[in-house]
PDB file of all heavy atoms in Angstrom:
ATOM      1  N   PRO A   1       0.827  -1.206  -0.001  1.00  0.00           N
ATOM      2  CA  PRO A   1      -0.006  -0.006  -0.003  1.00  0.00           C
ATOM      3  C   PRO A   1       0.876   1.248  -0.001  1.00  0.00           C
ATOM      4  O   PRO A   1       2.030   1.230   0.430  1.00  0.00           O
ATOM      5  CB  PRO A   1      -0.796  -0.123   1.303  1.00  0.00           C
ATOM      6  CG  PRO A   1       0.091  -0.922   2.211  1.00  0.00           C
ATOM      7  CD  PRO A   1       0.808  -1.893   1.305  1.00  0.00           C
ATOM      8  N   LEU A   2       0.302   2.360  -0.458  1.00  0.00           N
ATOM      9  CA  LEU A   2       1.005   3.643  -0.451  1.00  0.00           C
ATOM     10  C   LEU A   2       0.757   4.311   0.897  1.00  0.00           C
ATOM     11  O   LEU A   2      -0.222   5.024   1.087  1.00  0.00           O
ATOM     12  CB  LEU A   2       0.481   4.521  -1.584  1.00  0.00           C
ATOM     13  CG  LEU A   2       0.513   3.872  -2.977  1.00  0.00           C
ATOM     14  CD1 LEU A   2      -0.067   4.818  -4.020  1.00  0.00           C
ATOM     15  CD2 LEU A   2       1.933   3.450  -3.354  1.00  0.00           C
ATOM     16  N   VAL A   3       1.632   4.030   1.853  1.00  0.00           N
ATOM     17  CA  VAL A   3       1.410   4.450   3.238  1.00  0.00           C
ATOM     18  C   VAL A   3       1.340   5.956   3.367  1.00  0.00           C
ATOM     19  O   VAL A   3       0.568   6.491   4.161  1.00  0.00           O
ATOM     20  CB  VAL A   3       2.506   3.878   4.179  1.00  0.00           C
ATOM     21  CG1 VAL A   3       2.226   4.272   5.603  1.00  0.00           C
ATOM     22  CG2 VAL A   3       2.568   2.354   4.069  1.00  0.00           C
ATOM     23  N   HIS A   4       2.138   6.664   2.570  1.00  0.00           N
ATOM     24  CA  HIS A   4       2.114   8.129   2.630  1.00  0.00           C
ATOM     25  C   HIS A   4       0.731   8.653   2.171  1.00  0.00           C
ATOM     26  O   HIS A   4       0.235   9.641   2.718  1.00  0.00           O
ATOM     27  CB  HIS A   4       3.234   8.728   1.774  1.00  0.00           C
ATOM     28  CG  HIS A   4       3.268   8.282   0.360  1.00  0.00           C
ATOM     29  ND1 HIS A   4       3.389   6.948   0.001  1.00  0.00           N
ATOM     30  CD2 HIS A   4       3.190   8.969  -0.807  1.00  0.00           C
ATOM     31  CE1 HIS A   4       3.384   6.850  -1.325  1.00  0.00           C
ATOM     32  NE2 HIS A   4       3.250   8.062  -1.828  1.00  0.00           N
ATOM     33  N   VAL A   5       0.128   7.976   1.194  1.00  0.00           N
ATOM     34  CA  VAL A   5      -1.202   8.391   0.725  1.00  0.00           C
ATOM     35  C   VAL A   5      -2.251   8.020   1.780  1.00  0.00           C
ATOM     36  O   VAL A   5      -3.201   8.794   1.992  1.00  0.00           O
ATOM     37  CB  VAL A   5      -1.510   7.744  -0.641  1.00  0.00           C
ATOM     38  CG1 VAL A   5      -2.921   8.182  -1.105  1.00  0.00           C
ATOM     39  CG2 VAL A   5      -0.479   8.134  -1.690  1.00  0.00           C
ATOM     40  N   ILE A   6      -2.108   6.892   2.400  1.00  0.00           N
ATOM     41  CA  ILE A   6      -3.042   6.482   3.454  1.00  0.00           C
ATOM     42  C   ILE A   6      -3.010   7.487   4.608  1.00  0.00           C
ATOM     43  O   ILE A   6      -4.044   7.847   5.163  1.00  0.00           O
ATOM     44  CB  ILE A   6      -2.730   5.058   3.959  1.00  0.00           C
ATOM     45  CG1 ILE A   6      -3.090   4.031   2.860  1.00  0.00           C
ATOM     46  CG2 ILE A   6      -3.467   4.752   5.258  1.00  0.00           C
ATOM     47  CD1 ILE A   6      -2.690   2.621   3.178  1.00  0.00           C
ATOM     48  N   ALA A   7      -1.814   7.968   4.944  1.00  0.00           N
ATOM     49  CA  ALA A   7      -1.716   9.006   5.979  1.00  0.00           C
ATOM     50  C   ALA A   7      -2.466  10.262   5.555  1.00  0.00           C
ATOM     51  O   ALA A   7      -3.178  10.891   6.356  1.00  0.00           O
ATOM     52  CB  ALA A   7      -0.255   9.334   6.253  1.00  0.00           C
ATOM     53  N   ALA A   8      -2.328  10.647   4.283  1.00  0.00           N
ATOM     54  CA  ALA A   8      -3.031  11.823   3.778  1.00  0.00           C
ATOM     55  C   ALA A   8      -4.535  11.592   3.774  1.00  0.00           C
ATOM     56  O   ALA A   8      -5.328  12.503   4.022  1.00  0.00           O
ATOM     57  CB  ALA A   8      -2.520  12.167   2.385  1.00  0.00           C
ATOM     58  N   LYS A   9      -4.960  10.341   3.503  1.00  0.00           N
ATOM     59  CA  LYS A   9      -6.390  10.013   3.569  1.00  0.00           C
ATOM     60  C   LYS A   9      -6.902  10.177   5.002  1.00  0.00           C
ATOM     61  O   LYS A   9      -8.017  10.706   5.209  1.00  0.00           O
ATOM     62  CB  LYS A   9      -6.620   8.569   3.099  1.00  0.00           C
ATOM     63  CG  LYS A   9      -6.435   8.330   1.617  1.00  0.00           C
ATOM     64  CD  LYS A   9      -6.598   6.845   1.287  1.00  0.00           C
ATOM     65  CE  LYS A   9      -6.283   6.555  -0.173  1.00  0.00           C
ATOM     66  NZ  LYS A   9      -6.433   5.114  -0.522  1.00  0.00           N
ATOM     67  N   ALA A  10      -6.113   9.735   5.963  1.00  0.00           N
ATOM     68  CA  ALA A  10      -6.526   9.866   7.369  1.00  0.00           C
ATOM     69  C   ALA A  10      -6.735  11.331   7.724  1.00  0.00           C
ATOM     70  O   ALA A  10      -7.695  11.688   8.429  1.00  0.00           O
ATOM     71  CB  ALA A  10      -5.455   9.254   8.278  1.00  0.00           C
ATOM     72  N   VAL A  11      -5.837  12.190   7.269  1.00  0.00           N
ATOM     73  CA  VAL A  11      -5.981  13.643   7.499  1.00  0.00           C
ATOM     74  C   VAL A  11      -7.231  14.169   6.834  1.00  0.00           C
ATOM     75  O   VAL A  11      -8.020  14.927   7.427  1.00  0.00           O
ATOM     76  CB  VAL A  11      -4.737  14.403   6.979  1.00  0.00           C
ATOM     77  CG1 VAL A  11      -4.945  15.901   7.051  1.00  0.00           C
ATOM     78  CG2 VAL A  11      -3.491  14.002   7.773  1.00  0.00           C
ATOM     79  N   CYS A  12      -7.432  13.766   5.581  1.00  0.00           N
ATOM     80  CA  CYS A  12      -8.605  14.207   4.818  1.00  0.00           C
ATOM     81  C   CYS A  12      -9.906  13.829   5.508  1.00  0.00           C
ATOM     82  O   CYS A  12     -10.835  14.632   5.630  1.00  0.00           O
ATOM     83  CB  CYS A  12      -8.545  13.595   3.419  1.00  0.00           C
ATOM     84  SG  CYS A  12     -10.094  13.282   2.595  1.00  0.00           S
ATOM     85  N   PHE A  13     -10.020  12.570   6.002  1.00  0.00           N
ATOM     86  CA  PHE A  13     -11.242  12.126   6.685  1.00  0.00           C
ATOM     87  C   PHE A  13     -11.466  12.946   7.951  1.00  0.00           C
ATOM     88  O   PHE A  13     -12.616  13.279   8.288  1.00  0.00           O
ATOM     89  CB  PHE A  13     -11.136  10.647   7.032  1.00  0.00           C
ATOM     90  CG  PHE A  13     -10.946   9.716   5.853  1.00  0.00           C
ATOM     91  CD1 PHE A  13     -10.181   8.560   5.969  1.00  0.00           C
ATOM     92  CD2 PHE A  13     -11.505  10.012   4.625  1.00  0.00           C
ATOM     93  CE1 PHE A  13     -10.007   7.715   4.892  1.00  0.00           C
ATOM     94  CE2 PHE A  13     -11.332   9.172   3.523  1.00  0.00           C
ATOM     95  CZ  PHE A  13     -10.577   8.020   3.665  1.00  0.00           C
ATOM     96  N   ALA A  14     -10.398  13.238   8.675  1.00  0.00           N
ATOM     97  CA  ALA A  14     -10.517  14.040   9.896  1.00  0.00           C
ATOM     98  C   ALA A  14     -11.010  15.450   9.554  1.00  0.00           C
ATOM     99  O   ALA A  14     -11.889  16.006  10.242  1.00  0.00           O
ATOM    100  CB  ALA A  14      -9.188  14.092  10.644  1.00  0.00           C
ATOM    101  N   GLU A  15     -10.468  16.033   8.490  1.00  0.00           N
ATOM    102  CA  GLU A  15     -10.896  17.366   8.083  1.00  0.00           C
ATOM    103  C   GLU A  15     -12.365  17.365   7.678  1.00  0.00           C
ATOM    104  O   GLU A  15     -13.099  18.357   7.880  1.00  0.00           O
ATOM    105  CB  GLU A  15     -10.039  17.851   6.908  1.00  0.00           C
ATOM    106  CG  GLU A  15      -8.590  18.166   7.296  1.00  0.00           C
ATOM    107  CD  GLU A  15      -7.711  18.548   6.108  1.00  0.00           C
ATOM    108  OE1 GLU A  15      -8.136  18.299   4.955  1.00  0.00           O
ATOM    109  OE2 GLU A  15      -6.611  19.077   6.339  1.00  0.00           O
ATOM    110  N   ALA A  16     -12.826  16.260   7.084  1.00  0.00           N
ATOM    111  CA  ALA A  16     -14.198  16.174   6.610  1.00  0.00           C
ATOM    112  C   ALA A  16     -15.224  16.032   7.763  1.00  0.00           C
ATOM    113  O   ALA A  16     -16.428  16.083   7.507  1.00  0.00           O
ATOM    114  CB  ALA A  16     -14.368  15.015   5.621  1.00  0.00           C
ATOM    115  N   MET A  17     -14.742  15.823   8.974  1.00  0.00           N
ATOM    116  CA  MET A  17     -15.628  15.704  10.128  1.00  0.00           C
ATOM    117  C   MET A  17     -15.786  17.020  10.898  1.00  0.00           C
ATOM    118  O   MET A  17     -16.300  17.046  12.006  1.00  0.00           O
ATOM    119  CB  MET A  17     -15.148  14.589  11.057  1.00  0.00           C
ATOM    120  CG  MET A  17     -15.426  13.188  10.495  1.00  0.00           C
ATOM    121  SD  MET A  17     -15.044  11.844  11.657  1.00  0.00           S
ATOM    122  CE  MET A  17     -13.310  11.584  11.332  1.00  0.00           C
ATOM    123  N   THR A  18     -15.340  18.124  10.287  1.00  0.00           N
ATOM    124  CA  THR A  18     -15.387  19.424  10.952  1.00  0.00           C
ATOM    125  C   THR A  18     -16.578  20.231  10.468  1.00  0.00           C
ATOM    126  O   THR A  18     -17.115  20.000   9.374  1.00  0.00           O
ATOM    127  CB  THR A  18     -14.103  20.218  10.708  1.00  0.00           C
ATOM    128  OG1 THR A  18     -14.004  20.516   9.317  1.00  0.00           O
ATOM    129  CG2 THR A  18     -12.882  19.458  11.163  1.00  0.00           C
ATOM    130  N   HIS A  19     -16.989  21.216  11.245  1.00  0.00           N
ATOM    131  CA  HIS A  19     -18.074  22.131  10.860  1.00  0.00           C
ATOM    132  C   HIS A  19     -17.691  22.939   9.645  1.00  0.00           C
ATOM    133  O   HIS A  19     -18.517  23.248   8.787  1.00  0.00           O
ATOM    134  CB  HIS A  19     -18.449  23.027  12.020  1.00  0.00           C
ATOM    135  CG  HIS A  19     -19.138  22.331  13.157  1.00  0.00           C
ATOM    136  ND1 HIS A  19     -20.331  21.676  13.019  1.00  0.00           N
ATOM    137  CD2 HIS A  19     -18.759  22.156  14.453  1.00  0.00           C
ATOM    138  CE1 HIS A  19     -20.691  21.151  14.171  1.00  0.00           C
ATOM    139  NE2 HIS A  19     -19.746  21.423  15.068  1.00  0.00           N
ATOM    140  N   ASN A  20     -16.401  23.291   9.559  1.00  0.00           N
ATOM    141  CA  ASN A  20     -15.931  24.065   8.404  1.00  0.00           C
ATOM    142  C   ASN A  20     -16.136  23.309   7.101  1.00  0.00           C
ATOM    143  O   ASN A  20     -16.447  23.912   6.059  1.00  0.00           O
ATOM    144  CB  ASN A  20     -14.446  24.407   8.564  1.00  0.00           C
ATOM    145  CG  ASN A  20     -14.212  25.514   9.564  1.00  0.00           C
ATOM    146  OD1 ASN A  20     -15.129  26.244   9.916  1.00  0.00           O
ATOM    147  ND2 ASN A  20     -12.974  25.647  10.048  1.00  0.00           N
ATOM    148  N   PHE A  21     -15.962  22.001   7.150  1.00  0.00           N
ATOM    149  CA  PHE A  21     -16.139  21.189   5.947  1.00  0.00           C
ATOM    150  C   PHE A  21     -17.606  21.184   5.506  1.00  0.00           C
ATOM    151  O   PHE A  21     -17.904  21.248   4.310  1.00  0.00           O
ATOM    152  CB  PHE A  21     -15.637  19.755   6.193  1.00  0.00           C
ATOM    153  CG  PHE A  21     -15.620  18.900   4.961  1.00  0.00           C
ATOM    154  CD1 PHE A  21     -14.568  18.983   4.050  1.00  0.00           C
ATOM    155  CD2 PHE A  21     -16.649  18.004   4.694  1.00  0.00           C
ATOM    156  CE1 PHE A  21     -14.550  18.198   2.911  1.00  0.00           C
ATOM    157  CE2 PHE A  21     -16.630  17.214   3.546  1.00  0.00           C
ATOM    158  CZ  PHE A  21     -15.571  17.302   2.664  1.00  0.00           C
ATOM    159  N   ILE A  22     -18.495  21.079   6.469  1.00  0.00           N
ATOM    160  CA  ILE A  22     -19.933  21.110   6.123  1.00  0.00           C
ATOM    161  C   ILE A  22     -20.294  22.460   5.492  1.00  0.00           C
ATOM    162  O   ILE A  22     -21.004  22.501   4.478  1.00  0.00           O
ATOM    163  CB  ILE A  22     -20.790  20.850   7.393  1.00  0.00           C
ATOM    164  CG1 ILE A  22     -20.529  19.428   7.901  1.00  0.00           C
ATOM    165  CG2 ILE A  22     -22.277  21.056   7.076  1.00  0.00           C
ATOM    166  CD1 ILE A  22     -21.191  19.134   9.237  1.00  0.00           C
ATOM    167  N   SER A  23     -19.776  23.544   6.070  1.00  0.00           N
ATOM    168  CA  SER A  23     -20.038  24.871   5.503  1.00  0.00           C
ATOM    169  C   SER A  23     -19.471  24.981   4.075  1.00  0.00           C
ATOM    170  O   SER A  23     -20.091  25.570   3.183  1.00  0.00           O
ATOM    171  CB  SER A  23     -19.390  25.954   6.377  1.00  0.00           C
ATOM    172  OG  SER A  23     -19.977  25.950   7.668  1.00  0.00           O
ATOM    173  N   TYR A  24     -18.297  24.382   3.898  1.00  0.00           N
ATOM    174  CA  TYR A  24     -17.673  24.382   2.568  1.00  0.00           C
ATOM    175  C   TYR A  24     -18.548  23.656   1.539  1.00  0.00           C
ATOM    176  O   TYR A  24     -18.797  24.166   0.444  1.00  0.00           O
ATOM    177  CB  TYR A  24     -16.296  23.715   2.669  1.00  0.00           C
ATOM    178  CG  TYR A  24     -15.751  23.209   1.351  1.00  0.00           C
ATOM    179  CD1 TYR A  24     -15.372  24.107   0.351  1.00  0.00           C
ATOM    180  CD2 TYR A  24     -15.630  21.845   1.100  1.00  0.00           C
ATOM    181  CE1 TYR A  24     -14.888  23.638  -0.876  1.00  0.00           C
ATOM    182  CE2 TYR A  24     -15.151  21.375  -0.100  1.00  0.00           C
ATOM    183  CZ  TYR A  24     -14.777  22.262  -1.096  1.00  0.00           C
ATOM    184  OH  TYR A  24     -14.308  21.816  -2.286  1.00  0.00           O
ATOM    185  N   GLN A  25     -19.069  22.481   1.900  1.00  0.00           N
ATOM    186  CA  GLN A  25     -19.886  21.723   0.977  1.00  0.00           C
ATOM    187  C   GLN A  25     -21.187  22.444   0.652  1.00  0.00           C
ATOM    188  O   GLN A  25     -21.678  22.403  -0.488  1.00  0.00           O
ATOM    189  CB  GLN A  25     -20.160  20.328   1.514  1.00  0.00           C
ATOM    190  CG  GLN A  25     -18.947  19.433   1.686  1.00  0.00           C
ATOM    191  CD  GLN A  25     -18.275  19.088   0.359  1.00  0.00           C
ATOM    192  OE1 GLN A  25     -18.835  19.262  -0.708  1.00  0.00           O
ATOM    193  NE2 GLN A  25     -17.039  18.601   0.436  1.00  0.00           N
ATOM    194  N   LYS A  26     -21.756  23.122   1.635  1.00  0.00           N
ATOM    195  CA  LYS A  26     -22.973  23.918   1.369  1.00  0.00           C
ATOM    196  C   LYS A  26     -22.666  25.007   0.363  1.00  0.00           C
ATOM    197  O   LYS A  26     -23.486  25.302  -0.538  1.00  0.00           O
ATOM    198  CB  LYS A  26     -23.497  24.525   2.679  1.00  0.00           C
ATOM    199  CG  LYS A  26     -24.130  23.509   3.615  1.00  0.00           C
ATOM    200  CD  LYS A  26     -24.608  24.187   4.892  1.00  0.00           C
ATOM    201  CE  LYS A  26     -25.271  23.176   5.824  1.00  0.00           C
ATOM    202  NZ  LYS A  26     -25.681  23.807   7.115  1.00  0.00           N
ATOM    203  N   GLN A  27     -21.501  25.617   0.471  1.00  0.00           N
ATOM    204  CA  GLN A  27     -21.118  26.660  -0.449  1.00  0.00           C
ATOM    205  C   GLN A  27     -20.840  26.116  -1.840  1.00  0.00           C
ATOM    206  O   GLN A  27     -21.152  26.757  -2.863  1.00  0.00           O
ATOM    207  CB  GLN A  27     -19.881  27.405   0.060  1.00  0.00           C
ATOM    208  CG  GLN A  27     -19.545  28.683  -0.681  1.00  0.00           C
ATOM    209  CD  GLN A  27     -20.615  29.745  -0.533  1.00  0.00           C
ATOM    210  OE1 GLN A  27     -21.022  30.066   0.583  1.00  0.00           O
ATOM    211  NE2 GLN A  27     -21.102  30.291  -1.644  1.00  0.00           N
ATOM    212  N   VAL A  28     -20.298  24.903  -1.903  1.00  0.00           N
ATOM    213  CA  VAL A  28     -20.071  24.235  -3.203  1.00  0.00           C
ATOM    214  C   VAL A  28     -21.387  24.143  -3.983  1.00  0.00           C
ATOM    215  O   VAL A  28     -21.458  24.449  -5.173  1.00  0.00           O
ATOM    216  CB  VAL A  28     -19.458  22.839  -3.004  1.00  0.00           C
ATOM    217  CG1 VAL A  28     -19.535  22.029  -4.300  1.00  0.00           C
ATOM    218  CG2 VAL A  28     -18.011  22.942  -2.544  1.00  0.00           C
ATOM    219  N   ILE A  29     -22.443  23.705  -3.285  1.00  0.00           N
ATOM    220  CA  ILE A  29     -23.745  23.543  -3.928  1.00  0.00           C
ATOM    221  C   ILE A  29     -24.342  24.897  -4.305  1.00  0.00           C
ATOM    222  O   ILE A  29     -24.878  25.067  -5.403  1.00  0.00           O
ATOM    223  CB  ILE A  29     -24.697  22.767  -2.990  1.00  0.00           C
ATOM    224  CG1 ILE A  29     -24.184  21.321  -2.800  1.00  0.00           C
ATOM    225  CG2 ILE A  29     -26.121  22.723  -3.577  1.00  0.00           C
ATOM    226  CD1 ILE A  29     -24.962  20.515  -1.771  1.00  0.00           C
ATOM    227  N   LYS A  30     -24.250  25.872  -3.393  1.00  0.00           N
ATOM    228  CA  LYS A  30     -24.752  27.219  -3.711  1.00  0.00           C
ATOM    229  C   LYS A  30     -24.065  27.776  -4.961  1.00  0.00           C
ATOM    230  O   LYS A  30     -24.722  28.335  -5.845  1.00  0.00           O
ATOM    231  CB  LYS A  30     -24.492  28.160  -2.537  1.00  0.00           C
ATOM    232  CG  LYS A  30     -25.371  27.969  -1.323  1.00  0.00           C
ATOM    233  CD  LYS A  30     -24.971  28.964  -0.233  1.00  0.00           C
ATOM    234  CE  LYS A  30     -25.725  28.740   1.056  1.00  0.00           C
ATOM    235  NZ  LYS A  30     -25.287  29.681   2.122  1.00  0.00           N
ATOM    236  N   ASN A  31     -22.751  27.615  -5.005  1.00  0.00           N
ATOM    237  CA  ASN A  31     -21.997  28.144  -6.140  1.00  0.00           C
ATOM    238  C   ASN A  31     -22.352  27.444  -7.447  1.00  0.00           C
ATOM    239  O   ASN A  31     -22.438  28.091  -8.503  1.00  0.00           O
ATOM    240  CB  ASN A  31     -20.493  28.004  -5.872  1.00  0.00           C
ATOM    241  CG  ASN A  31     -20.001  28.956  -4.814  1.00  0.00           C
ATOM    242  OD1 ASN A  31     -20.666  29.936  -4.471  1.00  0.00           O
ATOM    243  ND2 ASN A  31     -18.822  28.692  -4.263  1.00  0.00           N
ATOM    244  N   ALA A  32     -22.590  26.126  -7.369  1.00  0.00           N
ATOM    245  CA  ALA A  32     -22.981  25.400  -8.582  1.00  0.00           C
ATOM    246  C   ALA A  32     -24.326  25.872  -9.101  1.00  0.00           C
ATOM    247  O   ALA A  32     -24.522  26.043 -10.313  1.00  0.00           O
ATOM    248  CB  ALA A  32     -23.014  23.891  -8.311  1.00  0.00           C
ATOM    249  N   LYS A  33     -25.253  26.090  -8.208  1.00  0.00           N
ATOM    250  CA  LYS A  33     -26.589  26.556  -8.627  1.00  0.00           C
ATOM    251  C   LYS A  33     -26.513  27.958  -9.240  1.00  0.00           C
ATOM    252  O   LYS A  33     -27.179  28.254 -10.219  1.00  0.00           O
ATOM    253  CB  LYS A  33     -27.546  26.532  -7.437  1.00  0.00           C
ATOM    254  CG  LYS A  33     -27.935  25.119  -6.993  1.00  0.00           C
ATOM    255  CD  LYS A  33     -28.969  25.145  -5.890  1.00  0.00           C
ATOM    256  CE  LYS A  33     -29.313  23.730  -5.427  1.00  0.00           C
ATOM    257  NZ  LYS A  33     -29.909  22.911  -6.512  1.00  0.00           N
ATOM    258  N   ILE A  34     -25.689  28.835  -8.652  1.00  0.00           N
ATOM    259  CA  ILE A  34     -25.513  30.181  -9.207  1.00  0.00           C
ATOM    260  C   ILE A  34     -24.900  30.114 -10.588  1.00  0.00           C
ATOM    261  O   ILE A  34     -25.395  30.759 -11.545  1.00  0.00           O
ATOM    262  CB  ILE A  34     -24.635  31.030  -8.270  1.00  0.00           C
ATOM    263  CG1 ILE A  34     -25.413  31.415  -7.015  1.00  0.00           C
ATOM    264  CG2 ILE A  34     -24.126  32.286  -8.997  1.00  0.00           C
ATOM    265  CD1 ILE A  34     -26.558  32.390  -7.261  1.00  0.00           C
ATOM    266  N   LEU A  35     -23.815  29.363 -10.751  1.00  0.00           N
ATOM    267  CA  LEU A  35     -23.176  29.240 -12.053  1.00  0.00           C
ATOM    268  C   LEU A  35     -24.149  28.694 -13.093  1.00  0.00           C
ATOM    269  O   LEU A  35     -24.219  29.189 -14.229  1.00  0.00           O
ATOM    270  CB  LEU A  35     -21.928  28.345 -11.954  1.00  0.00           C
ATOM    271  CG  LEU A  35     -21.156  28.121 -13.256  1.00  0.00           C
ATOM    272  CD1 LEU A  35     -20.678  29.448 -13.872  1.00  0.00           C
ATOM    273  CD2 LEU A  35     -19.976  27.178 -13.018  1.00  0.00           C
ATOM    274  N   CYS A  36     -24.888  27.693 -12.684  1.00  0.00           N
ATOM    275  CA  CYS A  36     -25.878  27.061 -13.578  1.00  0.00           C
ATOM    276  C   CYS A  36     -26.941  28.095 -14.003  1.00  0.00           C
ATOM    277  O   CYS A  36     -27.264  28.211 -15.189  1.00  0.00           O
ATOM    278  CB  CYS A  36     -26.529  25.894 -12.866  1.00  0.00           C
ATOM    279  SG  CYS A  36     -27.572  24.877 -13.908  1.00  0.00           S
ATOM    280  N   ASP A  37     -27.445  28.834 -13.061  1.00  0.00           N
ATOM    281  CA  ASP A  37     -28.491  29.835 -13.348  1.00  0.00           C
ATOM    282  C   ASP A  37     -27.979  30.925 -14.273  1.00  0.00           C
ATOM    283  O   ASP A  37     -28.691  31.385 -15.179  1.00  0.00           O
ATOM    284  CB  ASP A  37     -29.017  30.444 -12.037  1.00  0.00           C
ATOM    285  CG  ASP A  37     -29.876  29.477 -11.233  1.00  0.00           C
ATOM    286  OD1 ASP A  37     -30.302  28.469 -11.809  1.00  0.00           O
ATOM    287  OD2 ASP A  37     -30.112  29.747 -10.034  1.00  0.00           O
ATOM    288  N   VAL A  38     -26.740  31.397 -14.017  1.00  0.00           N
ATOM    289  CA  VAL A  38     -26.170  32.442 -14.865  1.00  0.00           C
ATOM    290  C   VAL A  38     -26.047  31.950 -16.311  1.00  0.00           C
ATOM    291  O   VAL A  38     -26.423  32.655 -17.256  1.00  0.00           O
ATOM    292  CB  VAL A  38     -24.796  32.899 -14.331  1.00  0.00           C
ATOM    293  CG1 VAL A  38     -24.084  33.810 -15.353  1.00  0.00           C
ATOM    294  CG2 VAL A  38     -24.950  33.614 -12.997  1.00  0.00           C
ATOM    295  N   LEU A  39     -25.529  30.744 -16.488  1.00  0.00           N
ATOM    296  CA  LEU A  39     -25.364  30.199 -17.833  1.00  0.00           C
ATOM    297  C   LEU A  39     -26.721  30.029 -18.526  1.00  0.00           C
ATOM    298  O   LEU A  39     -26.843  30.287 -19.734  1.00  0.00           O
ATOM    299  CB  LEU A  39     -24.593  28.877 -17.775  1.00  0.00           C
ATOM    300  CG  LEU A  39     -23.122  28.994 -17.382  1.00  0.00           C
ATOM    301  CD1 LEU A  39     -22.500  27.609 -17.212  1.00  0.00           C
ATOM    302  CD2 LEU A  39     -22.325  29.806 -18.429  1.00  0.00           C
TER     303      LEU A  39
END
């Protein structure tokens, strides 16, 4: 296995369990809808 990548995955999963990550994903969807509407 690529242990260095697994370590980075562990960090990524931890980051995804934060409130900031949830806020980020909400903004991702808002931004997609805005871009879609403009086009």
